[in-house]
Amino acid sequence: MVRYPEAGVFEQALFVVRDDAAVSRGVTADEVLAEACRIAQRQSGSARKRKHRPPLVYMLLGAGGVGVAWAVSWLFG
Protein backbone atom coordinates (compact mmCIF):
# COMPACT_ATOMS: atom_id res chain seq x y z
CA MET A 1 0.00 0.00 0.00
CA VAL A 2 1.36 3.41 -0.99
CA ARG A 3 0.12 6.58 0.68
CA TYR A 4 0.20 9.84 -1.25
CA PRO A 5 -0.38 12.89 1.00
CA GLU A 6 -1.15 15.40 -1.79
CA ALA A 7 -3.89 13.30 -3.38
CA GLY A 8 -7.24 14.88 -4.11
CA VAL A 9 -9.71 12.01 -4.18
CA PHE A 10 -7.58 8.98 -3.33
CA GLU A 11 -5.21 8.91 -0.40
CA GLN A 12 -3.62 5.53 -1.02
CA ALA A 13 -3.01 2.97 -3.74
CA LEU A 14 -2.80 -0.79 -3.42
CA PHE A 15 -0.41 -2.76 -5.62
CA VAL A 16 -0.77 -6.54 -5.83
CA VAL A 17 2.61 -8.17 -6.33
CA ARG A 18 3.25 -11.85 -7.01
CA ASP A 19 4.94 -13.71 -4.16
CA ASP A 20 7.82 -14.81 -6.35
CA ALA A 21 8.38 -11.41 -8.00
CA ALA A 22 11.28 -10.42 -5.76
CA VAL A 23 12.95 -13.81 -5.99
CA SER A 24 12.57 -14.33 -9.74
CA ARG A 25 13.58 -10.79 -10.68
CA GLY A 26 16.25 -10.27 -8.03
CA VAL A 27 14.81 -7.08 -6.52
CA THR A 28 14.40 -6.07 -2.90
CA ALA A 29 11.19 -5.06 -1.16
CA ASP A 30 12.48 -1.48 -1.02
CA GLU A 31 12.95 -1.45 -4.79
CA VAL A 32 9.41 -2.75 -5.31
CA LEU A 33 8.07 -0.03 -2.99
CA ALA A 34 10.11 2.65 -4.77
CA GLU A 35 8.73 1.51 -8.15
CA ALA A 36 5.16 1.57 -6.80
CA CYS A 37 5.68 5.11 -5.48
CA ARG A 38 7.14 6.22 -8.81
CA ILE A 39 4.15 4.82 -10.72
CA ALA A 40 1.67 6.40 -8.31
CA GLN A 41 3.45 9.76 -8.57
CA ARG A 42 3.49 9.63 -12.38
CA GLN A 43 -0.18 8.70 -12.63
CA SER A 44 -1.34 11.36 -10.18
CA GLY A 45 0.68 14.03 -11.99
CA SER A 46 -0.68 13.14 -15.41
CA ALA A 47 -4.27 13.31 -14.21
CA ARG A 48 -3.80 16.84 -12.98
CA LYS A 49 -2.36 18.14 -16.24
CA ARG A 50 -5.49 17.47 -18.26
CA LYS A 51 -7.72 20.45 -18.82
CA HIS A 52 -11.12 20.02 -20.33
CA ARG A 53 -12.57 22.70 -22.56
CA PRO A 54 -16.03 23.93 -21.74
CA PRO A 55 -18.85 22.78 -24.05
CA LEU A 56 -19.24 26.36 -25.32
CA VAL A 57 -15.85 26.08 -27.05
CA TYR A 58 -16.95 22.98 -28.97
CA MET A 59 -20.26 24.63 -29.85
CA LEU A 60 -18.46 27.70 -31.25
CA LEU A 61 -15.98 25.55 -33.18
CA GLY A 62 -18.84 23.57 -34.70
CA ALA A 63 -20.77 26.72 -35.60
CA GLY A 64 -17.64 28.20 -37.16
CA GLY A 65 -17.08 25.05 -39.20
CA VAL A 66 -20.65 25.11 -40.46
CA GLY A 67 -20.26 28.79 -41.30
CA VAL A 68 -17.10 28.15 -43.30
CA ALA A 69 -18.73 25.25 -45.14
CA TRP A 70 -21.77 27.39 -45.93
CA ALA A 71 -19.54 30.26 -47.19
CA VAL A 72 -17.52 27.92 -49.41
CA SER A 73 -20.65 26.36 -50.89
CA TRP A 74 -22.21 29.81 -51.45
CA LEU A 75 -19.06 31.15 -53.17
CA PHE A 76 -18.34 28.15 -55.34
CA GLY A 77 -21.80 26.61 -55.62
PDB file of N, CA and C in Angstrom:
ATOM      1  N   MET A   1       0.844  -1.154   0.000  1.00  0.00           N
ATOM      2  CA  MET A   1       0.000   0.000   0.000  1.00  0.00           C
ATOM      3  C   MET A   1       0.900   1.231   0.000  1.00  0.00           C
ATOM      4  N   VAL A   2       0.577   2.188  -0.869  1.00  0.00           N
ATOM      5  CA  VAL A   2       1.364   3.411  -0.993  1.00  0.00           C
ATOM      6  C   VAL A   2       0.470   4.586  -0.656  1.00  0.00           C
ATOM      7  N   ARG A   3       0.879   5.380   0.307  1.00  0.00           N
ATOM      8  CA  ARG A   3       0.117   6.582   0.675  1.00  0.00           C
ATOM      9  C   ARG A   3       0.685   7.784  -0.078  1.00  0.00           C
ATOM     10  N   TYR A   4      -0.208   8.642  -0.522  1.00  0.00           N
ATOM     11  CA  TYR A   4       0.200   9.843  -1.250  1.00  0.00           C
ATOM     12  C   TYR A   4      -0.486  11.034  -0.580  1.00  0.00           C
ATOM     13  N   PRO A   5       0.241  11.850   0.177  1.00  0.00           N
ATOM     14  CA  PRO A   5      -0.380  12.893   0.996  1.00  0.00           C
ATOM     15  C   PRO A   5      -1.030  14.027   0.205  1.00  0.00           C
ATOM     16  N   GLU A   6      -0.606  14.276  -1.023  1.00  0.00           N
ATOM     17  CA  GLU A   6      -1.148  15.395  -1.790  1.00  0.00           C
ATOM     18  C   GLU A   6      -2.298  14.986  -2.691  1.00  0.00           C
ATOM     19  N   ALA A   7      -2.837  13.805  -2.499  1.00  0.00           N
ATOM     20  CA  ALA A   7      -3.892  13.304  -3.378  1.00  0.00           C
ATOM     21  C   ALA A   7      -5.193  14.067  -3.143  1.00  0.00           C
ATOM     22  N   GLY A   8      -5.966  14.194  -4.216  1.00  0.00           N
ATOM     23  CA  GLY A   8      -7.242  14.881  -4.106  1.00  0.00           C
ATOM     24  C   GLY A   8      -8.349  13.938  -3.674  1.00  0.00           C
ATOM     25  N   VAL A   9      -8.623  12.931  -4.462  1.00  0.00           N
ATOM     26  CA  VAL A   9      -9.714  12.009  -4.182  1.00  0.00           C
ATOM     27  C   VAL A   9      -9.213  10.765  -3.451  1.00  0.00           C
ATOM     28  N   PHE A  10      -8.113  10.201  -3.915  1.00  0.00           N
ATOM     29  CA  PHE A  10      -7.580   8.982  -3.325  1.00  0.00           C
ATOM     30  C   PHE A  10      -6.418   9.333  -2.408  1.00  0.00           C
ATOM     31  N   GLU A  11      -6.326   8.656  -1.296  1.00  0.00           N
ATOM     32  CA  GLU A  11      -5.213   8.908  -0.396  1.00  0.00           C
ATOM     33  C   GLU A  11      -4.206   7.774  -0.367  1.00  0.00           C
ATOM     34  N   GLN A  12      -4.558   6.642  -0.981  1.00  0.00           N
ATOM     35  CA  GLN A  12      -3.621   5.534  -1.018  1.00  0.00           C
ATOM     36  C   GLN A  12      -3.894   4.644  -2.228  1.00  0.00           C
ATOM     37  N   ALA A  13      -2.881   3.906  -2.619  1.00  0.00           N
ATOM     38  CA  ALA A  13      -3.008   2.971  -3.738  1.00  0.00           C
ATOM     39  C   ALA A  13      -2.531   1.600  -3.270  1.00  0.00           C
ATOM     40  N   LEU A  14      -3.150   0.578  -3.791  1.00  0.00           N
ATOM     41  CA  LEU A  14      -2.801  -0.789  -3.419  1.00  0.00           C
ATOM     42  C   LEU A  14      -2.257  -1.495  -4.653  1.00  0.00           C
ATOM     43  N   PHE A  15      -1.045  -2.023  -4.543  1.00  0.00           N
ATOM     44  CA  PHE A  15      -0.411  -2.757  -5.624  1.00  0.00           C
ATOM     45  C   PHE A  15      -0.350  -4.228  -5.228  1.00  0.00           C
ATOM     46  N   VAL A  16      -0.828  -5.097  -6.082  1.00  0.00           N
ATOM     47  CA  VAL A  16      -0.772  -6.537  -5.834  1.00  0.00           C
ATOM     48  C   VAL A  16       0.445  -7.083  -6.558  1.00  0.00           C
ATOM     49  N   VAL A  17       1.349  -7.675  -5.793  1.00  0.00           N
ATOM     50  CA  VAL A  17       2.612  -8.173  -6.334  1.00  0.00           C
ATOM     51  C   VAL A  17       2.660  -9.676  -6.126  1.00  0.00           C
ATOM     52  N   ARG A  18       3.107 -10.390  -7.133  1.00  0.00           N
ATOM     53  CA  ARG A  18       3.251 -11.846  -7.013  1.00  0.00           C
ATOM     54  C   ARG A  18       4.256 -12.176  -5.914  1.00  0.00           C
ATOM     55  N   ASP A  19       4.039 -13.295  -5.243  1.00  0.00           N
ATOM     56  CA  ASP A  19       4.936 -13.715  -4.155  1.00  0.00           C
ATOM     57  C   ASP A  19       6.353 -13.953  -4.648  1.00  0.00           C
ATOM     58  N   ASP A  20       6.491 -14.472  -5.854  1.00  0.00           N
ATOM     59  CA  ASP A  20       7.823 -14.805  -6.353  1.00  0.00           C
ATOM     60  C   ASP A  20       8.461 -13.677  -7.163  1.00  0.00           C
ATOM     61  N   ALA A  21       7.859 -12.506  -7.180  1.00  0.00           N
ATOM     62  CA  ALA A  21       8.382 -11.411  -8.003  1.00  0.00           C
ATOM     63  C   ALA A  21       9.770 -10.986  -7.544  1.00  0.00           C
ATOM     64  N   ALA A  22       9.980 -10.857  -6.260  1.00  0.00           N
ATOM     65  CA  ALA A  22      11.279 -10.421  -5.758  1.00  0.00           C
ATOM     66  C   ALA A  22      12.347 -11.485  -5.995  1.00  0.00           C
ATOM     67  N   VAL A  23      11.981 -12.731  -5.827  1.00  0.00           N
ATOM     68  CA  VAL A  23      12.952 -13.815  -5.995  1.00  0.00           C
ATOM     69  C   VAL A  23      13.316 -14.007  -7.462  1.00  0.00           C
ATOM     70  N   SER A  24      12.302 -14.038  -8.335  1.00  0.00           N
ATOM     71  CA  SER A  24      12.568 -14.326  -9.743  1.00  0.00           C
ATOM     72  C   SER A  24      13.238 -13.156 -10.465  1.00  0.00           C
ATOM     73  N   ARG A  25      13.005 -11.954 -10.007  1.00  0.00           N
ATOM     74  CA  ARG A  25      13.583 -10.786 -10.679  1.00  0.00           C
ATOM     75  C   ARG A  25      14.806 -10.230  -9.943  1.00  0.00           C
ATOM     76  N   GLY A  26      15.076 -10.706  -8.763  1.00  0.00           N
ATOM     77  CA  GLY A  26      16.253 -10.273  -8.028  1.00  0.00           C
ATOM     78  C   GLY A  26      16.165  -8.847  -7.512  1.00  0.00           C
ATOM     79  N   VAL A  27      14.978  -8.429  -7.061  1.00  0.00           N
ATOM     80  CA  VAL A  27      14.811  -7.082  -6.519  1.00  0.00           C
ATOM     81  C   VAL A  27      14.445  -7.173  -5.046  1.00  0.00           C
ATOM     82  N   THR A  28      14.730  -6.107  -4.321  1.00  0.00           N
ATOM     83  CA  THR A  28      14.405  -6.072  -2.900  1.00  0.00           C
ATOM     84  C   THR A  28      13.015  -5.480  -2.696  1.00  0.00           C
ATOM     85  N   ALA A  29      12.496  -5.629  -1.498  1.00  0.00           N
ATOM     86  CA  ALA A  29      11.191  -5.062  -1.162  1.00  0.00           C
ATOM     87  C   ALA A  29      11.231  -3.538  -1.258  1.00  0.00           C
ATOM     88  N   ASP A  30      12.340  -2.933  -0.918  1.00  0.00           N
ATOM     89  CA  ASP A  30      12.476  -1.475  -1.021  1.00  0.00           C
ATOM     90  C   ASP A  30      12.415  -1.017  -2.472  1.00  0.00           C
ATOM     91  N   GLU A  31      13.002  -1.796  -3.374  1.00  0.00           N
ATOM     92  CA  GLU A  31      12.950  -1.449  -4.791  1.00  0.00           C
ATOM     93  C   GLU A  31      11.532  -1.572  -5.347  1.00  0.00           C
ATOM     94  N   VAL A  32      10.799  -2.593  -4.898  1.00  0.00           N
ATOM     95  CA  VAL A  32       9.411  -2.746  -5.311  1.00  0.00           C
ATOM     96  C   VAL A  32       8.587  -1.570  -4.813  1.00  0.00           C
ATOM     97  N   LEU A  33       8.798  -1.177  -3.559  1.00  0.00           N
ATOM     98  CA  LEU A  33       8.074  -0.032  -2.994  1.00  0.00           C
ATOM     99  C   LEU A  33       8.425   1.259  -3.720  1.00  0.00           C
ATOM    100  N   ALA A  34       9.689   1.452  -4.049  1.00  0.00           N
ATOM    101  CA  ALA A  34      10.108   2.653  -4.772  1.00  0.00           C
ATOM    102  C   ALA A  34       9.459   2.712  -6.155  1.00  0.00           C
ATOM    103  N   GLU A  35       9.380   1.562  -6.821  1.00  0.00           N
ATOM    104  CA  GLU A  35       8.732   1.508  -8.145  1.00  0.00           C
ATOM    105  C   GLU A  35       7.246   1.820  -8.032  1.00  0.00           C
ATOM    106  N   ALA A  36       6.587   1.295  -7.010  1.00  0.00           N
ATOM    107  CA  ALA A  36       5.164   1.574  -6.798  1.00  0.00           C
ATOM    108  C   ALA A  36       4.939   3.065  -6.537  1.00  0.00           C
ATOM    109  N   CYS A  37       5.798   3.664  -5.741  1.00  0.00           N
ATOM    110  CA  CYS A  37       5.678   5.108  -5.476  1.00  0.00           C
ATOM    111  C   CYS A  37       5.904   5.919  -6.745  1.00  0.00           C
ATOM    112  N   ARG A  38       6.864   5.514  -7.560  1.00  0.00           N
ATOM    113  CA  ARG A  38       7.141   6.216  -8.814  1.00  0.00           C
ATOM    114  C   ARG A  38       5.936   6.149  -9.747  1.00  0.00           C
ATOM    115  N   ILE A  39       5.321   4.971  -9.862  1.00  0.00           N
ATOM    116  CA  ILE A  39       4.148   4.816 -10.725  1.00  0.00           C
ATOM    117  C   ILE A  39       2.987   5.644 -10.206  1.00  0.00           C
ATOM    118  N   ALA A  40       2.758   5.616  -8.902  1.00  0.00           N
ATOM    119  CA  ALA A  40       1.668   6.400  -8.312  1.00  0.00           C
ATOM    120  C   ALA A  40       1.894   7.897  -8.525  1.00  0.00           C
ATOM    121  N   GLN A  41       3.124   8.344  -8.367  1.00  0.00           N
ATOM    122  CA  GLN A  41       3.453   9.761  -8.573  1.00  0.00           C
ATOM    123  C   GLN A  41       3.214  10.168 -10.018  1.00  0.00           C
ATOM    124  N   ARG A  42       3.647   9.325 -10.955  1.00  0.00           N
ATOM    125  CA  ARG A  42       3.488   9.634 -12.377  1.00  0.00           C
ATOM    126  C   ARG A  42       2.019   9.683 -12.773  1.00  0.00           C
ATOM    127  N   GLN A  43       1.232   8.739 -12.283  1.00  0.00           N
ATOM    128  CA  GLN A  43      -0.182   8.704 -12.629  1.00  0.00           C
ATOM    129  C   GLN A  43      -0.933   9.870 -12.022  1.00  0.00           C
ATOM    130  N   SER A  44      -0.627  10.238 -10.802  1.00  0.00           N
ATOM    131  CA  SER A  44      -1.342  11.357 -10.181  1.00  0.00           C
ATOM    132  C   SER A  44      -0.957  12.677 -10.840  1.00  0.00           C
ATOM    133  N   GLY A  45       0.273  12.800 -11.307  1.00  0.00           N
ATOM    134  CA  GLY A  45       0.683  14.026 -11.989  1.00  0.00           C
ATOM    135  C   GLY A  45       0.052  14.167 -13.349  1.00  0.00           C
ATOM    136  N   SER A  46      -0.097  13.054 -14.074  1.00  0.00           N
ATOM    137  CA  SER A  46      -0.678  13.141 -15.413  1.00  0.00           C
ATOM    138  C   SER A  46      -2.158  13.455 -15.357  1.00  0.00           C
ATOM    139  N   ALA A  47      -2.839  13.029 -14.324  1.00  0.00           N
ATOM    140  CA  ALA A  47      -4.270  13.311 -14.212  1.00  0.00           C
ATOM    141  C   ALA A  47      -4.517  14.787 -13.956  1.00  0.00           C
ATOM    142  N   ARG A  48      -3.623  15.425 -13.296  1.00  0.00           N
ATOM    143  CA  ARG A  48      -3.804  16.841 -12.976  1.00  0.00           C
ATOM    144  C   ARG A  48      -3.529  17.751 -14.165  1.00  0.00           C
ATOM    145  N   LYS A  49      -2.736  17.291 -15.119  1.00  0.00           N
ATOM    146  CA  LYS A  49      -2.359  18.145 -16.241  1.00  0.00           C
ATOM    147  C   LYS A  49      -3.476  18.305 -17.270  1.00  0.00           C
ATOM    148  N   ARG A  50      -4.426  17.400 -17.266  1.00  0.00           N
ATOM    149  CA  ARG A  50      -5.490  17.473 -18.259  1.00  0.00           C
ATOM    150  C   ARG A  50      -6.436  18.625 -17.948  1.00  0.00           C
ATOM    151  N   LYS A  51      -6.746  19.380 -18.962  1.00  0.00           N
ATOM    152  CA  LYS A  51      -7.724  20.450 -18.820  1.00  0.00           C
ATOM    153  C   LYS A  51      -8.795  20.242 -19.872  1.00  0.00           C
ATOM    154  N   HIS A  52     -10.015  20.226 -19.422  1.00  0.00           N
ATOM    155  CA  HIS A  52     -11.123  20.022 -20.335  1.00  0.00           C
ATOM    156  C   HIS A  52     -11.665  21.375 -20.775  1.00  0.00           C
ATOM    157  N   ARG A  53     -11.986  21.460 -22.048  1.00  0.00           N
ATOM    158  CA  ARG A  53     -12.570  22.697 -22.556  1.00  0.00           C
ATOM    159  C   ARG A  53     -14.056  22.700 -22.253  1.00  0.00           C
ATOM    160  N   PRO A  54     -14.592  23.863 -21.996  1.00  0.00           N
ATOM    161  CA  PRO A  54     -16.030  23.926 -21.738  1.00  0.00           C
ATOM    162  C   PRO A  54     -16.820  23.620 -23.011  1.00  0.00           C
ATOM    163  N   PRO A  55     -18.033  23.124 -22.875  1.00  0.00           N
ATOM    164  CA  PRO A  55     -18.846  22.778 -24.050  1.00  0.00           C
ATOM    165  C   PRO A  55     -19.066  23.954 -24.995  1.00  0.00           C
ATOM    166  N   LEU A  56     -19.049  25.175 -24.481  1.00  0.00           N
ATOM    167  CA  LEU A  56     -19.236  26.357 -25.321  1.00  0.00           C
ATOM    168  C   LEU A  56     -18.160  26.437 -26.400  1.00  0.00           C
ATOM    169  N   VAL A  57     -16.941  26.049 -26.070  1.00  0.00           N
ATOM    170  CA  VAL A  57     -15.845  26.079 -27.046  1.00  0.00           C
ATOM    171  C   VAL A  57     -16.153  25.144 -28.212  1.00  0.00           C
ATOM    172  N   TYR A  58     -16.626  23.933 -27.907  1.00  0.00           N
ATOM    173  CA  TYR A  58     -16.952  22.981 -28.966  1.00  0.00           C
ATOM    174  C   TYR A  58     -18.148  23.471 -29.788  1.00  0.00           C
ATOM    175  N   MET A  59     -19.110  24.103 -29.136  1.00  0.00           N
ATOM    176  CA  MET A  59     -20.261  24.635 -29.855  1.00  0.00           C
ATOM    177  C   MET A  59     -19.816  25.727 -30.835  1.00  0.00           C
ATOM    178  N   LEU A  60     -18.937  26.622 -30.376  1.00  0.00           N
ATOM    179  CA  LEU A  60     -18.461  27.698 -31.249  1.00  0.00           C
ATOM    180  C   LEU A  60     -17.600  27.160 -32.389  1.00  0.00           C
ATOM    181  N   LEU A  61     -16.778  26.157 -32.111  1.00  0.00           N
ATOM    182  CA  LEU A  61     -15.980  25.553 -33.183  1.00  0.00           C
ATOM    183  C   LEU A  61     -16.873  24.881 -34.219  1.00  0.00           C
ATOM    184  N   GLY A  62     -17.907  24.207 -33.771  1.00  0.00           N
ATOM    185  CA  GLY A  62     -18.839  23.574 -34.697  1.00  0.00           C
ATOM    186  C   GLY A  62     -19.595  24.596 -35.528  1.00  0.00           C
ATOM    187  N   ALA A  63     -20.055  25.667 -34.880  1.00  0.00           N
ATOM    188  CA  ALA A  63     -20.770  26.719 -35.603  1.00  0.00           C
ATOM    189  C   ALA A  63     -19.853  27.400 -36.615  1.00  0.00           C
ATOM    190  N   GLY A  64     -18.604  27.612 -36.226  1.00  0.00           N
ATOM    191  CA  GLY A  64     -17.645  28.204 -37.161  1.00  0.00           C
ATOM    192  C   GLY A  64     -17.385  27.304 -38.352  1.00  0.00           C
ATOM    193  N   GLY A  65     -17.275  25.996 -38.096  1.00  0.00           N
ATOM    194  CA  GLY A  65     -17.077  25.049 -39.197  1.00  0.00           C
ATOM    195  C   GLY A  65     -18.254  25.031 -40.155  1.00  0.00           C
ATOM    196  N   VAL A  66     -19.463  25.071 -39.610  1.00  0.00           N
ATOM    197  CA  VAL A  66     -20.654  25.115 -40.464  1.00  0.00           C
ATOM    198  C   VAL A  66     -20.687  26.418 -41.254  1.00  0.00           C
ATOM    199  N   GLY A  67     -20.303  27.505 -40.602  1.00  0.00           N
ATOM    200  CA  GLY A  67     -20.264  28.792 -41.297  1.00  0.00           C
ATOM    201  C   GLY A  67     -19.276  28.799 -42.445  1.00  0.00           C
ATOM    202  N   VAL A  68     -18.112  28.221 -42.236  1.00  0.00           N
ATOM    203  CA  VAL A  68     -17.101  28.147 -43.296  1.00  0.00           C
ATOM    204  C   VAL A  68     -17.601  27.261 -44.436  1.00  0.00           C
ATOM    205  N   ALA A  69     -18.192  26.120 -44.099  1.00  0.00           N
ATOM    206  CA  ALA A  69     -18.735  25.246 -45.140  1.00  0.00           C
ATOM    207  C   ALA A  69     -19.830  25.938 -45.928  1.00  0.00           C
ATOM    208  N   TRP A  70     -20.690  26.676 -45.242  1.00  0.00           N
ATOM    209  CA  TRP A  70     -21.767  27.391 -45.929  1.00  0.00           C
ATOM    210  C   TRP A  70     -21.172  28.457 -46.851  1.00  0.00           C
ATOM    211  N   ALA A  71     -20.158  29.209 -46.374  1.00  0.00           N
ATOM    212  CA  ALA A  71     -19.539  30.258 -47.188  1.00  0.00           C
ATOM    213  C   ALA A  71     -18.871  29.670 -48.430  1.00  0.00           C
ATOM    214  N   VAL A  72     -18.189  28.561 -48.276  1.00  0.00           N
ATOM    215  CA  VAL A  72     -17.519  27.924 -49.410  1.00  0.00           C
ATOM    216  C   VAL A  72     -18.551  27.437 -50.430  1.00  0.00           C
ATOM    217  N   SER A  73     -19.628  26.841 -49.931  1.00  0.00           N
ATOM    218  CA  SER A  73     -20.652  26.359 -50.885  1.00  0.00           C
ATOM    219  C   SER A  73     -21.375  27.516 -51.542  1.00  0.00           C
ATOM    220  N   TRP A  74     -21.535  28.628 -50.864  1.00  0.00           N
ATOM    221  CA  TRP A  74     -22.208  29.805 -51.449  1.00  0.00           C
ATOM    222  C   TRP A  74     -21.323  30.473 -52.504  1.00  0.00           C
ATOM    223  N   LEU A  75     -19.991  30.530 -52.239  1.00  0.00           N
ATOM    224  CA  LEU A  75     -19.062  31.155 -53.169  1.00  0.00           C
ATOM    225  C   LEU A  75     -18.814  30.308 -54.406  1.00  0.00           C
ATOM    226  N   PHE A  76     -18.698  29.007 -54.232  1.00  0.00           N
ATOM    227  CA  PHE A  76     -18.335  28.145 -55.338  1.00  0.00           C
ATOM    228  C   PHE A  76     -19.504  27.291 -55.835  1.00  0.00           C
ATOM    229  N   GLY A  77     -20.687  27.480 -55.269  1.00  0.00           N
ATOM    230  CA  GLY A  77     -21.803  26.606 -55.618  1.00  0.00           C
ATOM    231  C   GLY A  77     -22.746  27.176 -56.591  1.00  0.00           C
TER     232      GLY A  77
END
